[in-house]
Amino acid sequence: VRSLSLTRGESTWLRGNTFYGKRQMFRSDFMEWFEAL
């Protein structure tokens, strides 16, 4: 689990998908942090 990081497809889905009727639910600064986590 500690070796895992977001894949490009997962990042694209989180950044671009509509959740609860809202696109870009996750802000860019948060996503940049999450992608490096």
PDB file of all heavy atoms in Angstrom:
ATOM      1  N   VAL A   1       0.840  -1.202   0.000  1.00  0.00           N
ATOM      2  CA  VAL A   1       0.000   0.000   0.000  1.00  0.00           C
ATOM      3  C   VAL A   1       0.876   1.253   0.000  1.00  0.00           C
ATOM      4  O   VAL A   1       0.589   2.230  -0.693  1.00  0.00           O
ATOM      5  CB  VAL A   1      -0.960  -0.004   1.204  1.00  0.00           C
ATOM      6  CG1 VAL A   1      -1.742   1.317   1.261  1.00  0.00           C
ATOM      7  CG2 VAL A   1      -1.928  -1.180   1.134  1.00  0.00           C
ATOM      8  N   ARG A   2       1.971   1.205   0.761  1.00  0.00           N
ATOM      9  CA  ARG A   2       2.881   2.357   0.827  1.00  0.00           C
ATOM     10  C   ARG A   2       3.593   2.628  -0.500  1.00  0.00           C
ATOM     11  O   ARG A   2       4.096   3.742  -0.712  1.00  0.00           O
ATOM     12  CB  ARG A   2       3.924   2.159   1.934  1.00  0.00           C
ATOM     13  CG  ARG A   2       3.367   2.220   3.344  1.00  0.00           C
ATOM     14  CD  ARG A   2       4.489   2.434   4.343  1.00  0.00           C
ATOM     15  NE  ARG A   2       5.076   3.762   4.179  1.00  0.00           N
ATOM     16  CZ  ARG A   2       6.322   4.073   4.511  1.00  0.00           C
ATOM     17  NH1 ARG A   2       7.120   3.150   5.004  1.00  0.00           N
ATOM     18  NH2 ARG A   2       6.796   5.300   4.315  1.00  0.00           N
ATOM     19  N   SER A   3       3.627   1.643  -1.379  1.00  0.00           N
ATOM     20  CA  SER A   3       4.293   1.823  -2.672  1.00  0.00           C
ATOM     21  C   SER A   3       3.378   2.461  -3.716  1.00  0.00           C
ATOM     22  O   SER A   3       3.845   2.844  -4.791  1.00  0.00           O
ATOM     23  CB  SER A   3       4.787   0.467  -3.202  1.00  0.00           C
ATOM     24  OG  SER A   3       3.685  -0.324  -3.682  1.00  0.00           O
ATOM     25  N   LEU A   4       2.089   2.578  -3.408  1.00  0.00           N
ATOM     26  CA  LEU A   4       1.109   3.035  -4.396  1.00  0.00           C
ATOM     27  C   LEU A   4       1.127   4.549  -4.557  1.00  0.00           C
ATOM     28  O   LEU A   4       1.376   5.295  -3.617  1.00  0.00           O
ATOM     29  CB  LEU A   4      -0.299   2.597  -3.985  1.00  0.00           C
ATOM     30  CG  LEU A   4      -0.561   1.087  -3.926  1.00  0.00           C
ATOM     31  CD1 LEU A   4      -1.932   0.820  -3.303  1.00  0.00           C
ATOM     32  CD2 LEU A   4      -0.474   0.460  -5.316  1.00  0.00           C
ATOM     33  N   SER A   5       0.825   4.973  -5.767  1.00  0.00           N
ATOM     34  CA  SER A   5       0.558   6.387  -6.048  1.00  0.00           C
ATOM     35  C   SER A   5      -0.545   6.458  -7.094  1.00  0.00           C
ATOM     36  O   SER A   5      -0.868   5.459  -7.749  1.00  0.00           O
ATOM     37  CB  SER A   5       1.815   7.101  -6.546  1.00  0.00           C
ATOM     38  OG  SER A   5       2.290   6.493  -7.745  1.00  0.00           O
ATOM     39  N   LEU A   6      -1.114   7.633  -7.242  1.00  0.00           N
ATOM     40  CA  LEU A   6      -2.172   7.799  -8.232  1.00  0.00           C
ATOM     41  C   LEU A   6      -1.661   7.510  -9.636  1.00  0.00           C
ATOM     42  O   LEU A   6      -0.577   7.965 -10.019  1.00  0.00           O
ATOM     43  CB  LEU A   6      -2.719   9.233  -8.207  1.00  0.00           C
ATOM     44  CG  LEU A   6      -3.665   9.651  -7.083  1.00  0.00           C
ATOM     45  CD1 LEU A   6      -4.225  11.038  -7.387  1.00  0.00           C
ATOM     46  CD2 LEU A   6      -4.793   8.658  -6.898  1.00  0.00           C
ATOM     47  N   THR A   7      -2.437   6.761 -10.402  1.00  0.00           N
ATOM     48  CA  THR A   7      -2.118   6.585 -11.814  1.00  0.00           C
ATOM     49  C   THR A   7      -2.610   7.806 -12.592  1.00  0.00           C
ATOM     50  O   THR A   7      -3.403   8.603 -12.079  1.00  0.00           O
ATOM     51  CB  THR A   7      -2.790   5.329 -12.389  1.00  0.00           C
ATOM     52  OG1 THR A   7      -4.218   5.540 -12.411  1.00  0.00           O
ATOM     53  CG2 THR A   7      -2.457   4.098 -11.574  1.00  0.00           C
ATOM     54  N   ARG A   8      -2.139   7.924 -13.823  1.00  0.00           N
ATOM     55  CA  ARG A   8      -2.582   9.043 -14.648  1.00  0.00           C
ATOM     56  C   ARG A   8      -4.097   8.995 -14.861  1.00  0.00           C
ATOM     57  O   ARG A   8      -4.785  10.019 -14.789  1.00  0.00           O
ATOM     58  CB  ARG A   8      -1.863   9.010 -15.994  1.00  0.00           C
ATOM     59  CG  ARG A   8      -2.274  10.154 -16.925  1.00  0.00           C
ATOM     60  CD  ARG A   8      -1.414  10.183 -18.169  1.00  0.00           C
ATOM     61  NE  ARG A   8      -0.036  10.490 -17.851  1.00  0.00           N
ATOM     62  CZ  ARG A   8       0.931  10.608 -18.756  1.00  0.00           C
ATOM     63  NH1 ARG A   8       0.659  10.455 -20.029  1.00  0.00           N
ATOM     64  NH2 ARG A   8       2.170  10.882 -18.393  1.00  0.00           N
ATOM     65  N   GLY A   9      -4.634   7.785 -15.090  1.00  0.00           N
ATOM     66  CA  GLY A   9      -6.073   7.642 -15.302  1.00  0.00           C
ATOM     67  C   GLY A   9      -6.876   8.029 -14.069  1.00  0.00           C
ATOM     68  O   GLY A   9      -7.934   8.670 -14.183  1.00  0.00           O
ATOM     69  N   GLU A  10      -6.392   7.635 -12.890  1.00  0.00           N
ATOM     70  CA  GLU A  10      -7.083   7.990 -11.645  1.00  0.00           C
ATOM     71  C   GLU A  10      -7.070   9.491 -11.415  1.00  0.00           C
ATOM     72  O   GLU A  10      -8.076  10.089 -11.025  1.00  0.00           O
ATOM     73  CB  GLU A  10      -6.427   7.256 -10.470  1.00  0.00           C
ATOM     74  CG  GLU A  10      -6.667   5.751 -10.497  1.00  0.00           C
ATOM     75  CD  GLU A  10      -5.742   4.989  -9.565  1.00  0.00           C
ATOM     76  OE1 GLU A  10      -4.761   5.573  -9.044  1.00  0.00           O
ATOM     77  OE2 GLU A  10      -5.994   3.776  -9.356  1.00  0.00           O
ATOM     78  N   SER A  11      -5.922  10.101 -11.669  1.00  0.00           N
ATOM     79  CA  SER A  11      -5.815  11.556 -11.517  1.00  0.00           C
ATOM     80  C   SER A  11      -6.746  12.281 -12.476  1.00  0.00           C
ATOM     81  O   SER A  11      -7.424  13.246 -12.092  1.00  0.00           O
ATOM     82  CB  SER A  11      -4.361  11.989 -11.745  1.00  0.00           C
ATOM     83  OG  SER A  11      -4.237  13.378 -11.636  1.00  0.00           O
ATOM     84  N   THR A  12      -6.792  11.823 -13.715  1.00  0.00           N
ATOM     85  CA  THR A  12      -7.676  12.441 -14.710  1.00  0.00           C
ATOM     86  C   THR A  12      -9.135  12.321 -14.288  1.00  0.00           C
ATOM     87  O   THR A  12      -9.917  13.265 -14.416  1.00  0.00           O
ATOM     88  CB  THR A  12      -7.462  11.783 -16.089  1.00  0.00           C
ATOM     89  OG1 THR A  12      -6.099  11.953 -16.484  1.00  0.00           O
ATOM     90  CG2 THR A  12      -8.385  12.381 -17.137  1.00  0.00           C
ATOM     91  N   TRP A  13      -9.501  11.153 -13.775  1.00  0.00           N
ATOM     92  CA  TRP A  13     -10.877  10.924 -13.323  1.00  0.00           C
ATOM     93  C   TRP A  13     -11.235  11.860 -12.172  1.00  0.00           C
ATOM     94  O   TRP A  13     -12.296  12.493 -12.181  1.00  0.00           O
ATOM     95  CB  TRP A  13     -11.040   9.464 -12.904  1.00  0.00           C
ATOM     96  CG  TRP A  13     -12.421   9.098 -12.451  1.00  0.00           C
ATOM     97  CD1 TRP A  13     -13.529   8.938 -13.239  1.00  0.00           C
ATOM     98  CD2 TRP A  13     -12.833   8.806 -11.115  1.00  0.00           C
ATOM     99  NE1 TRP A  13     -14.609   8.580 -12.466  1.00  0.00           N
ATOM    100  CE2 TRP A  13     -14.214   8.482 -11.152  1.00  0.00           C
ATOM    101  CE3 TRP A  13     -12.177   8.786  -9.877  1.00  0.00           C
ATOM    102  CZ2 TRP A  13     -14.948   8.145 -10.005  1.00  0.00           C
ATOM    103  CZ3 TRP A  13     -12.893   8.456  -8.730  1.00  0.00           C
ATOM    104  CH2 TRP A  13     -14.260   8.149  -8.807  1.00  0.00           C
ATOM    105  N   LEU A  14     -10.358  11.986 -11.192  1.00  0.00           N
ATOM    106  CA  LEU A  14     -10.635  12.853 -10.048  1.00  0.00           C
ATOM    107  C   LEU A  14     -10.687  14.320 -10.462  1.00  0.00           C
ATOM    108  O   LEU A  14     -11.512  15.082  -9.970  1.00  0.00           O
ATOM    109  CB  LEU A  14      -9.569  12.662  -8.964  1.00  0.00           C
ATOM    110  CG  LEU A  14      -9.624  11.352  -8.175  1.00  0.00           C
ATOM    111  CD1 LEU A  14      -8.375  11.199  -7.301  1.00  0.00           C
ATOM    112  CD2 LEU A  14     -10.874  11.290  -7.300  1.00  0.00           C
ATOM    113  N   ARG A  15      -9.791  14.708 -11.361  1.00  0.00           N
ATOM    114  CA  ARG A  15      -9.740  16.110 -11.790  1.00  0.00           C
ATOM    115  C   ARG A  15     -10.912  16.489 -12.693  1.00  0.00           C
ATOM    116  O   ARG A  15     -11.442  17.602 -12.599  1.00  0.00           O
ATOM    117  CB  ARG A  15      -8.426  16.392 -12.536  1.00  0.00           C
ATOM    118  CG  ARG A  15      -7.189  16.537 -11.646  1.00  0.00           C
ATOM    119  CD  ARG A  15      -5.961  16.767 -12.493  1.00  0.00           C
ATOM    120  NE  ARG A  15      -4.744  16.979 -11.734  1.00  0.00           N
ATOM    121  CZ  ARG A  15      -4.281  18.153 -11.306  1.00  0.00           C
ATOM    122  NH1 ARG A  15      -4.956  19.270 -11.586  1.00  0.00           N
ATOM    123  NH2 ARG A  15      -3.152  18.247 -10.632  1.00  0.00           N
ATOM    124  N   GLY A  16     -11.342  15.556 -13.548  1.00  0.00           N
ATOM    125  CA  GLY A  16     -12.288  15.929 -14.582  1.00  0.00           C
ATOM    126  C   GLY A  16     -13.699  15.400 -14.459  1.00  0.00           C
ATOM    127  O   GLY A  16     -14.617  15.873 -15.138  1.00  0.00           O
ATOM    128  N   ASN A  17     -13.899  14.408 -13.590  1.00  0.00           N
ATOM    129  CA  ASN A  17     -15.228  13.813 -13.481  1.00  0.00           C
ATOM    130  C   ASN A  17     -16.195  14.749 -12.748  1.00  0.00           C
ATOM    131  O   ASN A  17     -15.794  15.626 -11.998  1.00  0.00           O
ATOM    132  CB  ASN A  17     -15.130  12.477 -12.731  1.00  0.00           C
ATOM    133  CG  ASN A  17     -16.403  11.663 -12.852  1.00  0.00           C
ATOM    134  OD1 ASN A  17     -16.921  11.450 -13.930  1.00  0.00           O
ATOM    135  ND2 ASN A  17     -16.916  11.198 -11.737  1.00  0.00           N
ATOM    136  N   THR A  18     -17.469  14.532 -12.984  1.00  0.00           N
ATOM    137  CA  THR A  18     -18.506  15.274 -12.269  1.00  0.00           C
ATOM    138  C   THR A  18     -18.935  14.469 -11.042  1.00  0.00           C
ATOM    139  O   THR A  18     -19.340  13.311 -11.168  1.00  0.00           O
ATOM    140  CB  THR A  18     -19.714  15.534 -13.179  1.00  0.00           C
ATOM    141  OG1 THR A  18     -19.288  16.347 -14.281  1.00  0.00           O
ATOM    142  CG2 THR A  18     -20.821  16.272 -12.426  1.00  0.00           C
ATOM    143  N   PHE A  19     -18.831  15.066  -9.860  1.00  0.00           N
ATOM    144  CA  PHE A  19     -19.279  14.451  -8.614  1.00  0.00           C
ATOM    145  C   PHE A  19     -20.373  15.319  -8.006  1.00  0.00           C
ATOM    146  O   PHE A  19     -20.185  16.529  -7.829  1.00  0.00           O
ATOM    147  CB  PHE A  19     -18.125  14.310  -7.616  1.00  0.00           C
ATOM    148  CG  PHE A  19     -16.964  13.498  -8.113  1.00  0.00           C
ATOM    149  CD1 PHE A  19     -15.825  14.117  -8.615  1.00  0.00           C
ATOM    150  CD2 PHE A  19     -17.003  12.121  -8.088  1.00  0.00           C
ATOM    151  CE1 PHE A  19     -14.745  13.373  -9.064  1.00  0.00           C
ATOM    152  CE2 PHE A  19     -15.929  11.354  -8.537  1.00  0.00           C
ATOM    153  CZ  PHE A  19     -14.801  11.994  -9.034  1.00  0.00           C
ATOM    154  N   TYR A  20     -21.509  14.697  -7.709  1.00  0.00           N
ATOM    155  CA  TYR A  20     -22.626  15.437  -7.114  1.00  0.00           C
ATOM    156  C   TYR A  20     -22.981  16.666  -7.956  1.00  0.00           C
ATOM    157  O   TYR A  20     -23.270  17.741  -7.431  1.00  0.00           O
ATOM    158  CB  TYR A  20     -22.309  15.838  -5.667  1.00  0.00           C
ATOM    159  CG  TYR A  20     -22.428  14.698  -4.683  1.00  0.00           C
ATOM    160  CD1 TYR A  20     -21.409  13.779  -4.538  1.00  0.00           C
ATOM    161  CD2 TYR A  20     -23.568  14.535  -3.900  1.00  0.00           C
ATOM    162  CE1 TYR A  20     -21.514  12.722  -3.631  1.00  0.00           C
ATOM    163  CE2 TYR A  20     -23.690  13.488  -3.004  1.00  0.00           C
ATOM    164  CZ  TYR A  20     -22.669  12.583  -2.871  1.00  0.00           C
ATOM    165  OH  TYR A  20     -22.774  11.538  -1.973  1.00  0.00           O
ATOM    166  N   GLY A  21     -22.905  16.487  -9.260  1.00  0.00           N
ATOM    167  CA  GLY A  21     -23.272  17.555 -10.178  1.00  0.00           C
ATOM    168  C   GLY A  21     -22.244  18.657 -10.337  1.00  0.00           C
ATOM    169  O   GLY A  21     -22.496  19.658 -11.015  1.00  0.00           O
ATOM    170  N   LYS A  22     -21.062  18.497  -9.733  1.00  0.00           N
ATOM    171  CA  LYS A  22     -20.038  19.536  -9.765  1.00  0.00           C
ATOM    172  C   LYS A  22     -18.783  19.014 -10.458  1.00  0.00           C
ATOM    173  O   LYS A  22     -18.240  17.986 -10.079  1.00  0.00           O
ATOM    174  CB  LYS A  22     -19.688  19.976  -8.340  1.00  0.00           C
ATOM    175  CG  LYS A  22     -18.641  21.076  -8.265  1.00  0.00           C
ATOM    176  CD  LYS A  22     -18.375  21.461  -6.810  1.00  0.00           C
ATOM    177  CE  LYS A  22     -17.289  22.526  -6.702  1.00  0.00           C
ATOM    178  NZ  LYS A  22     -17.050  22.899  -5.254  1.00  0.00           N
ATOM    179  N   ARG A  23     -18.346  19.712 -11.494  1.00  0.00           N
ATOM    180  CA  ARG A  23     -17.095  19.360 -12.154  1.00  0.00           C
ATOM    181  C   ARG A  23     -15.930  20.016 -11.411  1.00  0.00           C
ATOM    182  O   ARG A  23     -16.087  21.047 -10.786  1.00  0.00           O
ATOM    183  CB  ARG A  23     -17.124  19.822 -13.626  1.00  0.00           C
ATOM    184  CG  ARG A  23     -16.025  19.192 -14.476  1.00  0.00           C
ATOM    185  CD  ARG A  23     -16.226  19.461 -15.940  1.00  0.00           C
ATOM    186  NE  ARG A  23     -17.324  18.729 -16.518  1.00  0.00           N
ATOM    187  CZ  ARG A  23     -17.264  17.470 -16.919  1.00  0.00           C
ATOM    188  NH1 ARG A  23     -16.156  16.783 -16.794  1.00  0.00           N
ATOM    189  NH2 ARG A  23     -18.318  16.892 -17.454  1.00  0.00           N
ATOM    190  N   GLN A  24     -14.789  19.385 -11.448  1.00  0.00           N
ATOM    191  CA  GLN A  24     -13.598  19.848 -10.723  1.00  0.00           C
ATOM    192  C   GLN A  24     -13.884  20.013  -9.229  1.00  0.00           C
ATOM    193  O   GLN A  24     -13.596  21.039  -8.608  1.00  0.00           O
ATOM    194  CB  GLN A  24     -13.066  21.158 -11.324  1.00  0.00           C
ATOM    195  CG  GLN A  24     -12.571  20.984 -12.769  1.00  0.00           C
ATOM    196  CD  GLN A  24     -12.045  22.247 -13.399  1.00  0.00           C
ATOM    197  OE1 GLN A  24     -12.618  23.324 -13.209  1.00  0.00           O
ATOM    198  NE2 GLN A  24     -10.977  22.123 -14.140  1.00  0.00           N
ATOM    199  N   MET A  25     -14.451  18.964  -8.659  1.00  0.00           N
ATOM    200  CA  MET A  25     -14.701  18.923  -7.219  1.00  0.00           C
ATOM    201  C   MET A  25     -13.392  19.064  -6.433  1.00  0.00           C
ATOM    202  O   MET A  25     -13.355  19.678  -5.369  1.00  0.00           O
ATOM    203  CB  MET A  25     -15.383  17.602  -6.861  1.00  0.00           C
ATOM    204  CG  MET A  25     -15.634  17.380  -5.381  1.00  0.00           C
ATOM    205  SD  MET A  25     -16.958  18.405  -4.744  1.00  0.00           S
ATOM    206  CE  MET A  25     -18.400  17.502  -5.359  1.00  0.00           C
ATOM    207  N   PHE A  26     -12.332  18.489  -6.981  1.00  0.00           N
ATOM    208  CA  PHE A  26     -11.045  18.519  -6.297  1.00  0.00           C
ATOM    209  C   PHE A  26     -10.155  19.604  -6.897  1.00  0.00           C
ATOM    210  O   PHE A  26      -9.878  19.604  -8.098  1.00  0.00           O
ATOM    211  CB  PHE A  26     -10.381  17.142  -6.375  1.00  0.00           C
ATOM    212  CG  PHE A  26     -11.187  16.078  -5.683  1.00  0.00           C
ATOM    213  CD1 PHE A  26     -11.979  15.197  -6.419  1.00  0.00           C
ATOM    214  CD2 PHE A  26     -11.181  15.977  -4.297  1.00  0.00           C
ATOM    215  CE1 PHE A  26     -12.741  14.227  -5.779  1.00  0.00           C
ATOM    216  CE2 PHE A  26     -11.943  15.003  -3.655  1.00  0.00           C
ATOM    217  CZ  PHE A  26     -12.715  14.136  -4.399  1.00  0.00           C
ATOM    218  N   ARG A  27      -9.709  20.523  -6.055  1.00  0.00           N
ATOM    219  CA  ARG A  27      -8.936  21.681  -6.499  1.00  0.00           C
ATOM    220  C   ARG A  27      -7.544  21.275  -6.972  1.00  0.00           C
ATOM    221  O   ARG A  27      -7.004  20.247  -6.556  1.00  0.00           O
ATOM    222  CB  ARG A  27      -8.814  22.703  -5.363  1.00  0.00           C
ATOM    223  CG  ARG A  27     -10.160  23.256  -4.883  1.00  0.00           C
ATOM    224  CD  ARG A  27      -9.927  24.451  -3.962  1.00  0.00           C
ATOM    225  NE  ARG A  27      -8.928  24.145  -2.924  1.00  0.00           N
ATOM    226  CZ  ARG A  27      -9.208  23.554  -1.773  1.00  0.00           C
ATOM    227  NH1 ARG A  27     -10.456  23.226  -1.490  1.00  0.00           N
ATOM    228  NH2 ARG A  27      -8.254  23.290  -0.893  1.00  0.00           N
ATOM    229  N   SER A  28      -6.947  22.110  -7.791  1.00  0.00           N
ATOM    230  CA  SER A  28      -5.638  21.796  -8.383  1.00  0.00           C
ATOM    231  C   SER A  28      -4.556  21.643  -7.328  1.00  0.00           C
ATOM    232  O   SER A  28      -3.711  20.751  -7.426  1.00  0.00           O
ATOM    233  CB  SER A  28      -5.237  22.886  -9.381  1.00  0.00           C
ATOM    234  OG  SER A  28      -6.058  22.864 -10.498  1.00  0.00           O
ATOM    235  N   ASP A  29      -4.543  22.519  -6.296  1.00  0.00           N
ATOM    236  CA  ASP A  29      -3.491  22.424  -5.279  1.00  0.00           C
ATOM    237  C   ASP A  29      -3.596  21.107  -4.501  1.00  0.00           C
ATOM    238  O   ASP A  29      -2.574  20.481  -4.196  1.00  0.00           O
ATOM    239  CB  ASP A  29      -3.509  23.629  -4.334  1.00  0.00           C
ATOM    240  CG  ASP A  29      -4.819  23.798  -3.580  1.00  0.00           C
ATOM    241  OD1 ASP A  29      -5.867  23.253  -4.020  1.00  0.00           O
ATOM    242  OD2 ASP A  29      -4.822  24.504  -2.529  1.00  0.00           O
ATOM    243  N   PHE A  30      -4.830  20.683  -4.220  1.00  0.00           N
ATOM    244  CA  PHE A  30      -5.017  19.416  -3.540  1.00  0.00           C
ATOM    245  C   PHE A  30      -4.582  18.251  -4.435  1.00  0.00           C
ATOM    246  O   PHE A  30      -3.901  17.325  -3.980  1.00  0.00           O
ATOM    247  CB  PHE A  30      -6.480  19.242  -3.119  1.00  0.00           C
ATOM    248  CG  PHE A  30      -6.784  17.862  -2.581  1.00  0.00           C
ATOM    249  CD1 PHE A  30      -6.358  17.493  -1.312  1.00  0.00           C
ATOM    250  CD2 PHE A  30      -7.479  16.942  -3.349  1.00  0.00           C
ATOM    251  CE1 PHE A  30      -6.621  16.211  -0.819  1.00  0.00           C
ATOM    252  CE2 PHE A  30      -7.751  15.663  -2.865  1.00  0.00           C
ATOM    253  CZ  PHE A  30      -7.323  15.306  -1.600  1.00  0.00           C
ATOM    254  N   MET A  31      -4.957  18.292  -5.686  1.00  0.00           N
ATOM    255  CA  MET A  31      -4.603  17.209  -6.596  1.00  0.00           C
ATOM    256  C   MET A  31      -3.091  17.100  -6.785  1.00  0.00           C
ATOM    257  O   MET A  31      -2.546  15.992  -6.852  1.00  0.00           O
ATOM    258  CB  MET A  31      -5.297  17.386  -7.949  1.00  0.00           C
ATOM    259  CG  MET A  31      -6.796  17.056  -7.937  1.00  0.00           C
ATOM    260  SD  MET A  31      -7.174  15.380  -7.373  1.00  0.00           S
ATOM    261  CE  MET A  31      -6.139  14.379  -8.441  1.00  0.00           C
ATOM    262  N   GLU A  32      -2.406  18.224  -6.878  1.00  0.00           N
ATOM    263  CA  GLU A  32      -0.946  18.182  -6.998  1.00  0.00           C
ATOM    264  C   GLU A  32      -0.327  17.509  -5.779  1.00  0.00           C
ATOM    265  O   GLU A  32       0.617  16.720  -5.893  1.00  0.00           O
ATOM    266  CB  GLU A  32      -0.393  19.603  -7.179  1.00  0.00           C
ATOM    267  CG  GLU A  32      -0.673  20.167  -8.572  1.00  0.00           C
ATOM    268  CD  GLU A  32      -0.378  21.641  -8.668  1.00  0.00           C
ATOM    269  OE1 GLU A  32       0.228  22.193  -7.714  1.00  0.00           O
ATOM    270  OE2 GLU A  32      -0.757  22.274  -9.684  1.00  0.00           O
ATOM    271  N   TRP A  33      -0.851  17.844  -4.600  1.00  0.00           N
ATOM    272  CA  TRP A  33      -0.376  17.201  -3.369  1.00  0.00           C
ATOM    273  C   TRP A  33      -0.681  15.700  -3.382  1.00  0.00           C
ATOM    274  O   TRP A  33       0.183  14.876  -3.063  1.00  0.00           O
ATOM    275  CB  TRP A  33      -1.049  17.870  -2.160  1.00  0.00           C
ATOM    276  CG  TRP A  33      -0.829  17.159  -0.868  1.00  0.00           C
ATOM    277  CD1 TRP A  33       0.242  17.304  -0.038  1.00  0.00           C
ATOM    278  CD2 TRP A  33      -1.699  16.184  -0.251  1.00  0.00           C
ATOM    279  NE1 TRP A  33       0.097  16.476   1.057  1.00  0.00           N
ATOM    280  CE2 TRP A  33      -1.088  15.785   0.940  1.00  0.00           C
ATOM    281  CE3 TRP A  33      -2.923  15.629  -0.606  1.00  0.00           C
ATOM    282  CZ2 TRP A  33      -1.655  14.839   1.788  1.00  0.00           C
ATOM    283  CZ3 TRP A  33      -3.496  14.679   0.226  1.00  0.00           C
ATOM    284  CH2 TRP A  33      -2.868  14.300   1.405  1.00  0.00           C
ATOM    285  N   PHE A  34      -1.896  15.341  -3.782  1.00  0.00           N
ATOM    286  CA  PHE A  34      -2.323  13.943  -3.777  1.00  0.00           C
ATOM    287  C   PHE A  34      -1.522  13.122  -4.792  1.00  0.00           C
ATOM    288  O   PHE A  34      -1.141  11.980  -4.532  1.00  0.00           O
ATOM    289  CB  PHE A  34      -3.821  13.871  -4.076  1.00  0.00           C
ATOM    290  CG  PHE A  34      -4.477  12.542  -3.782  1.00  0.00           C
ATOM    291  CD1 PHE A  34      -3.884  11.594  -2.957  1.00  0.00           C
ATOM    292  CD2 PHE A  34      -5.727  12.250  -4.332  1.00  0.00           C
ATOM    293  CE1 PHE A  34      -4.515  10.379  -2.698  1.00  0.00           C
ATOM    294  CE2 PHE A  34      -6.358  11.038  -4.071  1.00  0.00           C
ATOM    295  CZ  PHE A  34      -5.743  10.093  -3.278  1.00  0.00           C
ATOM    296  N   GLU A  35      -1.230  13.694  -5.943  1.00  0.00           N
ATOM    297  CA  GLU A  35      -0.463  12.985  -6.972  1.00  0.00           C
ATOM    298  C   GLU A  35       0.947  12.649  -6.517  1.00  0.00           C
ATOM    299  O   GLU A  35       1.539  11.675  -6.967  1.00  0.00           O
ATOM    300  CB  GLU A  35      -0.440  13.822  -8.256  1.00  0.00           C
ATOM    301  CG  GLU A  35      -1.785  13.818  -8.996  1.00  0.00           C
ATOM    302  CD  GLU A  35      -1.959  14.999  -9.935  1.00  0.00           C
ATOM    303  OE1 GLU A  35      -1.104  15.898  -9.957  1.00  0.00           O
ATOM    304  OE2 GLU A  35      -2.981  15.034 -10.652  1.00  0.00           O
ATOM    305  N   ALA A  36       1.489  13.457  -5.602  1.00  0.00           N
ATOM    306  CA  ALA A  36       2.852  13.230  -5.101  1.00  0.00           C
ATOM    307  C   ALA A  36       2.876  12.349  -3.840  1.00  0.00           C
ATOM    308  O   ALA A  36       3.948  11.958  -3.369  1.00  0.00           O
ATOM    309  CB  ALA A  36       3.525  14.563  -4.792  1.00  0.00           C
ATOM    310  N   LEU A  37       1.688  12.023  -3.316  1.00  0.00           N
ATOM    311  CA  LEU A  37       1.592  11.362  -2.010  1.00  0.00           C
ATOM    312  C   LEU A  37       2.007   9.893  -2.049  1.00  0.00           C
ATOM    313  O   LEU A  37       1.652   9.167  -2.965  1.00  0.00           O
ATOM    314  CB  LEU A  37       0.156  11.466  -1.487  1.00  0.00           C
ATOM    315  CG  LEU A  37      -0.125  10.767  -0.139  1.00  0.00           C
ATOM    316  CD1 LEU A  37       0.527  11.520   1.009  1.00  0.00           C
ATOM    317  CD2 LEU A  37      -1.627  10.620   0.093  1.00  0.00           C
TER     318      LEU A  37
END
